[in-house]
Structures are given as structure tokens and as C-alpha cells.
């Protein structure tokens, strides 16, 4: 197993966690609540990543419409997303996300309402002009895949007047993006972006969706409801993906508590984290020593750790349904045969 394989496994897991979260919010809450969660998630990402990303990708100093579109092209390609960039002028530049849509994993797109897709645009694209200090820059959406159209597409346009907040995103379904010409698209300098950096950035791209969405779910819905929505999704996704992820991480395949400890050790390493494992009798004690996902957000560590525990429970149930997991500290868990735990009162 290479580091690149392990990093792809982590990206696959986090990708599934985000898609599962939004689907569960649609089903267990409402399309409107799911849309609100998506808008808040992408706005959080926007504030944290957009301007630093422009500098990191070498896009500072370009005309605003071009810079915005090139940012979406390059950052999404790094994340493994199919995306196109078509410039028309310094004041108008298209981006198009052709099928298959990465964010709504596989056939999960069938469960994504139109308003949830629109919320993504409201959170990100419609706010680019605000962040760039250009009140004339907006986004015009011409197609949405979830509506049965051939991709999500639209263009950044610098208007001749300042835009009111409700004008920053508008729809023009009768328009259609021009054809993509790769020769006009920006590229990354391979000297600055070698394969290891690209592979890690691909992993980080997927992790960012969870880093943003789980805290937003807690703030939007409250702890208990967020645990039901996000924690429930994490449990299901972990059950569904466990065997695939475990194989890609190169685990031994042992189905005892020690085997699950091996899985957690490899998962942590693939996230640039570390865990301490202690085996005592038929129990395995796991303590996470670092949690990169919550770096810079200490107030959310405990509530997000509640959701993370649901993920571990789901993974363990797929690993061996005769084992039980008990959380003993914020980031510490004990795995034992199920009969070794007294029933909860």
C-alpha cells in the first residue's frame, strides 16, 4: 500500500460522509433545512479558503471574473472533480461541472433537490464578488444537473453596476456554455505541485467538506438533532464503506478488537493524525493523540467527537458485529467483545 492509496481511501470516506449527511438532512429534516446546511457549509469554506487559495494558486492580480473562474477550475480539479473553464472576456468567464457530479456521490444525485444545489451556489459563487471587494461581480447559473440538465454551469460576470444581495446569483436557463478548450485553461506548475502535494491536496479537499459541515450542522440544528442527522449518516456511511476503506488502508483483515485497532491506526496515519493503542486481555484501548480535522476549532472538538464516535460504531459493526465500542474520553475508546460490557442503565 502506498501513501497515495491511503490518502485516496480517506478522501473516499469523507466524500461519502458529506453526501450522506446532506441526503439524511433532506430525508430526516426537509429540503429547506438541507439547503440551509449546504449554504452555510459552503459559505464557511468560502471565508476560510477562497482568498488564501487565490494566492496559493497564483491567481492574485487577475481580473476578478477570470480569477474567480480559474480558482473554481483549479481547486476542483485538485479535488478530483470534473470541471471546465471557458473565458469570454476579462469581465465574463464560465465554469462548467459536467456529469458525473462529484459532490453528489454516484446515484445519490437522485435524492438531491434543486434548492440544495442552488444553496451551494449561494454559499460560494454568489459571494466571490463580496470577498474580492467588487460589488459588481455576480454569478449567472445556466444549468443544474439535479434538474436533469447536462451539468452544473454558469459564468462569473462583472456588471456595469453594483449588485444588490439578491442579484449576486441569477438564473438564465436559456443560455448555454461554450465548448471547453483545454488550451485556454490554467495549469499548475509541476515544480510547485509535485505528485505528493497533489495527492494530499486531493485528500484534504474531501476532508474539508466534513470539517465545515459537521460544525455547521451542530450550530444549525443543535447538538442532539445534529447527532441524529450527522451521526446517523456517519454510522451508515462507515458501515457501507468499511471493507473497501480497510482494504485500501492495507489492514491485516483480522476481525478481533486488535484488528479494528489496526484499522484505526492506519486511518489516523492516512489523515496525518496518530493514535495510541493498548491491548489488554481481549480489549483494545484506542486514544487519538492528534485530530487534524478540528485544528483551529477547539470549541467544536467535543461535539464533533460525538459524531466521530458514531462513525467508529458503524465501522466496528461492519468489522465484527460481536464487538462493542465504548467512549471513555473525548478522543478515547475501548473495544471489547460485546458481552464484556455491562448493559447501560
Protein backbone atom coordinates (compact mmCIF):
# COMPACT_ATOMS: atom_id res chain seq x y z
CA UNK A 1 0.00 0.00 0.00
CA UNK A 2 1.34 3.46 -0.91
CA UNK A 3 0.61 6.72 0.87
CA UNK A 4 -1.31 7.79 -2.22
CA UNK A 5 -3.65 4.78 -1.90
CA UNK A 6 -4.27 5.54 1.77
CA UNK A 7 -4.91 9.21 1.05
CA UNK A 8 -7.42 8.25 -1.65
CA UNK A 9 -9.14 5.94 0.83
CA UNK A 10 -9.55 8.83 3.28
CA UNK A 11 -10.86 11.08 0.52
CA UNK A 12 -13.39 8.40 -0.42
CA UNK A 13 -14.59 8.11 3.17
CA UNK A 14 -15.00 11.85 3.71
CA UNK A 15 -16.68 12.29 0.35
CA UNK A 16 -19.23 9.69 1.39
CA UNK A 17 -19.70 11.31 4.79
CA UNK A 18 -20.65 14.64 3.22
CA UNK A 19 -23.02 13.21 0.62
CA UNK A 20 -24.61 11.00 3.29
CA UNK A 21 -25.07 13.96 5.62
CA UNK A 22 -26.94 16.01 3.02
CA UNK A 23 -29.15 13.09 1.96
CA UNK A 24 -30.03 12.36 5.58
CA UNK A 25 -30.83 16.03 6.21
CA UNK A 26 -33.16 16.00 3.19
CA UNK A 27 -34.95 12.86 4.42
CA UNK A 28 -34.97 13.38 8.19
CA UNK A 29 -35.46 17.16 8.23
CA UNK A 30 -36.55 18.83 4.97
CA UNK A 31 -35.12 20.00 1.65
CA UNK A 32 -35.15 23.53 3.03
CA UNK A 33 -33.12 22.58 6.09
CA UNK A 34 -30.69 20.62 3.93
CA UNK A 35 -30.32 23.64 1.63
CA UNK A 36 -29.65 25.88 4.63
CA UNK A 37 -26.96 23.47 5.82
CA UNK A 38 -25.35 23.39 2.36
CA UNK A 39 -25.38 27.19 2.03
CA UNK A 40 -23.80 27.63 5.46
CA UNK A 41 -21.23 24.91 4.80
CA UNK A 42 -20.06 26.40 1.53
CA UNK A 43 -20.04 29.94 2.91
CA UNK A 44 -17.83 28.72 5.77
CA UNK A 45 -15.49 27.10 3.25
CA UNK A 46 -15.53 30.24 1.14
CA UNK A 47 -14.49 32.51 4.01
CA UNK A 48 -11.72 30.16 5.08
CA UNK A 49 -10.33 29.06 1.71
CA UNK A 50 -11.13 31.42 -1.17
CA UNK A 51 -8.73 34.35 -0.73
CA UNK A 52 -5.84 32.22 0.63
CA UNK A 53 -6.50 29.80 -2.24
CA UNK A 54 -6.21 32.56 -4.84
CA UNK A 55 -2.74 33.37 -3.53
CA UNK A 56 -1.72 29.72 -3.24
CA UNK A 57 -2.78 29.01 -6.82
CA UNK A 58 -1.06 32.12 -8.17
CA UNK A 59 -4.28 33.82 -9.29
CA UNK A 60 -3.95 37.12 -7.44
CA UNK A 61 -3.90 40.11 -9.76
CA UNK A 62 -6.08 38.61 -12.47
CA UNK A 63 -9.37 40.32 -13.45
CA UNK A 64 -11.93 39.33 -10.86
CA UNK A 65 -14.21 37.27 -13.12
CA UNK A 66 -11.22 35.37 -14.51
CA UNK A 67 -9.68 34.83 -11.07
CA UNK A 68 -12.95 33.52 -9.65
CA UNK A 69 -13.50 31.10 -12.51
CA UNK A 70 -9.89 29.90 -12.57
CA UNK A 71 -10.00 29.32 -8.83
CA UNK A 72 -13.02 27.05 -9.22
CA UNK A 73 -11.36 25.25 -12.11
CA UNK A 74 -8.02 24.57 -10.42
CA UNK A 75 -9.22 23.90 -6.86
CA UNK A 76 -11.89 21.46 -8.01
CA UNK A 77 -9.53 19.64 -10.38
CA UNK A 78 -7.12 19.16 -7.48
CA UNK A 79 -10.03 17.60 -5.58
CA UNK A 80 -10.70 15.14 -8.40
CA UNK A 81 -13.75 16.98 -9.73
CA UNK A 82 -14.56 17.13 -13.45
CA UNK A 83 -14.69 20.84 -14.30
CA UNK A 84 -14.23 23.13 -17.29
CA UNK A 85 -13.18 26.78 -17.67
CA UNK A 86 -14.17 28.95 -20.64
CA UNK A 87 -13.16 32.63 -20.65
CA UNK A 88 -15.06 35.10 -22.83
CA UNK A 89 -13.52 38.39 -21.70
CA UNK A 90 -11.87 39.96 -18.66
CA UNK A 91 -15.38 40.52 -17.28
CA UNK A 92 -17.01 37.18 -18.15
CA UNK A 93 -15.76 33.64 -17.56
CA UNK A 94 -17.62 30.33 -17.49
CA UNK A 95 -17.23 27.30 -15.27
CA UNK A 96 -18.96 24.03 -16.02
CA UNK A 97 -19.19 20.85 -13.96
CA UNK A 98 -20.17 18.09 -16.43
CA UNK A 99 -21.61 14.76 -15.33
CA UNK A 100 -20.87 12.86 -13.24
CA UNK A 101 -21.16 15.41 -10.44
CA UNK A 102 -18.55 14.65 -7.80
CA UNK A 103 -20.22 16.24 -4.81
CA UNK A 104 -23.43 14.19 -5.04
CA UNK A 105 -21.74 10.82 -5.00
CA UNK A 106 -22.76 8.28 -7.65
CA UNK A 107 -26.53 7.76 -7.87
CA UNK A 108 -27.08 9.77 -4.68
CA UNK A 109 -27.75 12.72 -7.00
CA UNK A 110 -31.28 11.30 -7.44
CA UNK A 111 -32.02 12.39 -3.86
CA UNK A 112 -30.72 15.97 -4.12
CA UNK A 113 -33.43 18.63 -4.54
CA UNK A 114 -32.88 21.63 -6.79
CA UNK A 115 -32.84 24.05 -3.86
CA UNK A 116 -29.92 22.17 -2.30
CA UNK A 117 -27.88 22.64 -5.49
CA UNK A 118 -28.82 26.31 -5.56
CA UNK A 119 -27.69 26.65 -1.94
CA UNK A 120 -24.21 25.54 -2.99
CA UNK A 121 -24.09 28.46 -5.45
CA UNK A 122 -25.41 30.91 -2.85
CA UNK A 123 -22.76 29.85 -0.37
CA UNK A 124 -19.81 30.03 -2.75
CA UNK A 125 -20.14 31.54 -6.22
CA UNK A 126 -22.53 34.33 -5.29
CA UNK A 127 -20.14 35.57 -2.60
CA UNK A 128 -16.98 35.80 -4.68
CA UNK A 129 -17.54 39.45 -5.56
CA UNK A 130 -18.05 40.34 -1.89
CA UNK A 131 -14.80 38.66 -0.88
CA UNK A 132 -12.92 40.28 -3.74
CA UNK A 133 -14.27 43.71 -2.80
CA UNK A 134 -16.01 44.01 -6.18
CA UNK A 135 -19.75 44.70 -5.72
CA UNK A 136 -20.34 44.38 -9.48
CA UNK A 137 -19.27 40.72 -9.70
CA UNK A 138 -22.03 38.10 -9.68
CA UNK A 139 -22.72 34.60 -10.92
CA UNK A 140 -25.25 33.57 -13.56
CA UNK A 141 -26.34 29.91 -13.42
CA UNK A 142 -27.47 28.47 -16.72
CA UNK A 143 -27.87 24.76 -15.89
CA UNK A 144 -28.19 22.47 -12.85
CA UNK A 145 -27.51 18.74 -13.09
CA UNK A 146 -30.02 17.88 -10.36
CA UNK A 147 -32.73 19.34 -12.61
CA UNK A 148 -31.86 16.82 -15.33
CA UNK A 149 -29.69 19.23 -17.30
CA UNK A 150 -26.27 18.20 -18.68
CA UNK A 151 -24.11 19.59 -15.90
CA UNK A 152 -23.92 22.50 -13.48
CA UNK A 153 -22.76 25.54 -15.40
CA UNK A 154 -22.72 29.29 -15.34
CA UNK A 155 -20.48 32.31 -15.58
CA UNK A 156 -18.94 34.96 -13.42
CA UNK A 157 -19.93 38.35 -14.78
CA UNK A 158 -18.77 41.81 -13.81
CA UNK A 159 -21.82 44.02 -14.35
CA UNK A 160 -21.90 47.72 -15.04
CA UNK A 161 -23.49 48.48 -11.69
CA UNK A 162 -23.24 47.39 -8.08
CA UNK A 163 -25.35 44.34 -7.29
CA UNK A 164 -27.90 44.07 -4.50
CA UNK A 165 -27.51 40.89 -2.40
CA UNK A 166 -30.38 39.18 -4.22
CA UNK A 167 -28.74 39.95 -7.60
CA UNK A 168 -25.45 38.18 -6.87
CA UNK A 169 -26.93 34.92 -8.13
CA UNK A 170 -29.38 34.80 -11.01
CA UNK A 171 -30.53 32.13 -13.47
CA UNK A 172 -30.59 32.19 -17.25
CA UNK A 173 -31.60 28.67 -18.26
CA UNK A 174 -31.87 29.57 -21.94
CA UNK A 175 -28.13 30.22 -22.18
CA UNK A 176 -25.55 27.50 -22.75
CA UNK A 177 -21.85 27.32 -22.02
CA UNK A 178 -19.39 27.38 -24.92
CA UNK A 179 -17.24 24.33 -25.61
CA UNK A 180 -14.24 23.70 -23.37
CA UNK A 181 -10.82 24.32 -24.90
CA UNK A 182 -8.10 22.87 -22.65
CA UNK A 183 -5.56 25.16 -24.28
CA UNK A 184 -7.27 28.15 -22.63
CA UNK A 185 -7.40 26.60 -19.17
CA UNK A 186 -4.86 27.40 -16.43
CA UNK A 187 -2.38 24.77 -15.30
CA UNK A 188 -0.41 24.14 -12.14
CA UNK A 189 3.36 24.41 -12.10
CA UNK A 190 4.54 20.79 -11.64
CA UNK A 191 7.60 22.02 -9.76
CA UNK A 192 5.35 23.64 -7.15
CA UNK A 193 2.72 20.92 -7.29
CA UNK A 194 4.53 17.55 -7.37
CA UNK A 195 2.54 14.31 -7.16
CA UNK A 196 2.73 14.01 -3.36
CA UNK A 197 1.39 17.52 -2.85
CA UNK A 198 -1.42 16.92 -5.34
CA UNK A 199 -2.38 13.62 -3.71
CA UNK A 200 -2.51 15.18 -0.26
CA UNK A 201 -4.47 18.15 -1.56
CA UNK A 202 -6.96 15.73 -3.12
CA UNK A 203 -7.44 14.12 0.31
CA UNK A 204 -7.70 17.49 2.07
CA UNK A 205 -10.32 18.66 -0.42
CA UNK A 206 -12.70 15.90 0.66
CA UNK A 207 -11.87 16.30 4.35
CA UNK A 208 -12.74 19.99 4.15
CA UNK A 209 -16.38 19.15 3.42
CA UNK A 210 -16.69 17.40 6.78
CA UNK A 211 -14.56 19.94 8.63
CA UNK A 212 -17.08 22.57 7.50
CA UNK A 213 -20.38 20.69 7.50
CA UNK A 214 -20.34 18.93 10.87
CA UNK A 215 -19.82 22.14 12.92
CA UNK A 216 -22.44 23.90 10.78
CA UNK A 217 -24.92 21.06 11.40
CA UNK A 218 -24.35 21.41 15.15
CA UNK A 219 -24.83 25.19 15.06
CA UNK A 220 -27.88 24.98 12.79
CA UNK A 221 -29.77 22.06 14.33
CA UNK A 222 -28.41 21.90 17.89
CA UNK A 223 -26.32 19.11 19.34
CA UNK A 224 -28.91 16.36 19.71
CA UNK A 225 -30.51 16.80 16.30
CA UNK A 226 -27.10 17.16 14.64
CA UNK A 227 -26.03 13.92 16.30
CA UNK A 228 -29.12 12.22 14.90
CA UNK A 229 -28.57 13.66 11.40
CA UNK A 230 -24.79 13.78 11.02
CA UNK A 231 -24.01 10.97 13.44
CA UNK A 232 -26.65 8.75 11.88
CA UNK A 233 -25.24 9.42 8.42
CA UNK A 234 -21.68 8.77 9.63
CA UNK A 235 -22.71 5.42 11.11
CA UNK A 236 -24.39 4.31 7.88
CA UNK A 237 -21.61 5.52 5.60
CA UNK A 238 -18.97 3.82 7.74
CA UNK A 239 -20.90 0.54 7.60
CA UNK A 240 -21.22 0.79 3.82
CA UNK A 241 -17.62 1.75 3.08
CA UNK A 242 -15.70 -0.03 5.86
CA UNK A 243 -14.48 -3.09 3.94
CA UNK A 244 -13.41 -1.04 0.92
CA UNK A 245 -11.58 1.53 3.04
CA UNK A 246 -9.96 -1.12 5.25
CA UNK A 247 -8.63 -2.96 2.20
CA UNK A 248 -7.24 0.25 0.70
CA UNK A 249 -5.54 1.07 4.00
CA UNK A 250 -3.83 -2.32 3.93
CA UNK A 251 -5.24 -3.73 7.16
CA UNK A 252 -4.48 -7.30 8.18
CA UNK A 253 -8.08 -8.46 7.87
CA UNK A 254 -8.16 -9.77 11.45
CA UNK A 255 -11.69 -9.41 12.83
CA UNK A 256 -10.87 -9.16 16.52
CA UNK A 257 -10.54 -5.98 18.59
CA UNK A 258 -6.84 -5.75 17.77
CA UNK A 259 -7.71 -5.87 14.07
CA UNK A 260 -10.01 -2.88 14.50
CA UNK A 261 -7.25 -1.09 16.37
CA UNK A 262 -5.04 -1.69 13.34
CA UNK A 263 -7.70 -0.12 11.11
CA UNK A 264 -7.89 2.96 13.35
CA UNK A 265 -4.11 3.26 13.44
CA UNK A 266 -3.87 3.21 9.66
CA UNK A 267 -6.82 5.58 9.24
CA UNK A 268 -5.24 8.07 11.64
CA UNK A 269 -1.88 7.91 9.85
CA UNK A 270 -3.58 8.50 6.49
CA UNK A 271 -5.15 11.66 7.96
CA UNK A 272 -1.78 12.87 9.35
CA UNK A 273 -3.02 12.02 12.84
CA UNK A 274 -1.80 9.43 15.32
CA UNK A 275 -3.35 7.10 17.87
CA UNK A 276 -2.02 5.17 20.84
CA UNK A 277 -3.15 1.53 21.01
CA UNK A 278 -3.05 -0.57 24.18
CA UNK A 279 -4.05 -4.24 24.16
CA UNK A 280 -5.12 -5.70 27.48
CA UNK A 281 -6.68 -9.14 27.53
CA UNK A 282 -9.38 -9.24 24.87
CA UNK A 283 -9.81 -5.44 24.94
CA UNK A 284 -8.19 -2.82 22.76
CA UNK A 285 -7.92 0.75 24.05
CA UNK A 286 -7.55 3.49 21.45
CA UNK A 287 -6.59 7.06 22.22
CA UNK A 288 -6.27 9.63 19.47
CA UNK A 289 -3.28 11.85 20.15
CA UNK A 290 -3.92 14.45 17.48
CA UNK A 291 -7.02 15.37 15.50
CA UNK A 292 -6.12 17.47 12.50
CA UNK A 293 -9.75 17.76 11.42
CA UNK A 294 -10.50 20.06 14.34
CA UNK A 295 -7.28 22.06 14.37
CA UNK A 296 -8.15 25.69 14.97
CA UNK A 297 -11.67 24.94 16.23
CA UNK A 298 -11.29 23.71 19.83
CA UNK A 299 -14.83 24.70 20.83
CA UNK A 300 -16.20 22.11 18.40
CA UNK A 301 -13.90 19.22 19.30
CA UNK A 302 -16.27 17.63 21.83
CA UNK A 303 -19.50 17.91 19.81
CA UNK A 304 -17.79 16.76 16.61
CA UNK A 305 -16.16 13.89 18.52
CA UNK A 306 -19.69 12.70 19.34
CA UNK A 307 -20.35 12.41 15.60
CA UNK A 308 -16.97 10.78 15.00
CA UNK A 309 -17.85 8.14 17.59
CA UNK A 310 -20.94 7.27 15.56
CA UNK A 311 -18.63 6.73 12.56
CA UNK A 312 -16.46 4.38 14.62
CA UNK A 313 -19.52 2.46 15.80
CA UNK A 314 -20.65 1.98 12.23
CA UNK A 315 -17.21 0.84 11.10
CA UNK A 316 -16.93 -1.58 14.04
CA UNK A 317 -20.32 -3.11 13.31
CA UNK A 318 -19.11 -3.92 9.79
CA UNK A 319 -15.73 -5.10 11.09
CA UNK A 320 -17.25 -7.51 13.63
CA UNK A 321 -20.79 -7.18 14.95
CA UNK A 322 -19.84 -9.17 18.06
CA UNK A 323 -17.58 -6.37 19.28
CA UNK A 324 -18.62 -3.28 21.21
CA UNK A 325 -17.15 0.21 21.39
CA UNK A 326 -17.33 2.43 24.44
CA UNK A 327 -16.10 6.00 24.54
CA UNK A 328 -14.12 6.72 27.68
CA UNK A 329 -12.86 10.25 26.96
CA UNK A 330 -13.24 12.93 24.30
CA UNK A 331 -10.97 11.02 21.92
CA UNK A 332 -10.56 7.64 23.61
CA UNK A 333 -12.45 4.40 23.05
CA UNK A 334 -12.36 0.83 24.33
CA UNK A 335 -13.22 -2.09 22.04
CA UNK A 336 -14.19 -5.38 23.66
CA UNK A 337 -16.34 -8.41 22.95
CA UNK A 338 -19.91 -7.25 23.34
CA UNK A 339 -20.64 -9.42 26.41
CA UNK A 340 -17.75 -7.76 28.27
CA UNK A 341 -19.70 -4.53 28.65
CA UNK A 342 -22.40 -4.32 31.31
CA UNK A 343 -25.76 -3.21 29.92
CA UNK A 344 -26.39 0.52 30.08
CA UNK A 345 -28.91 1.66 32.61
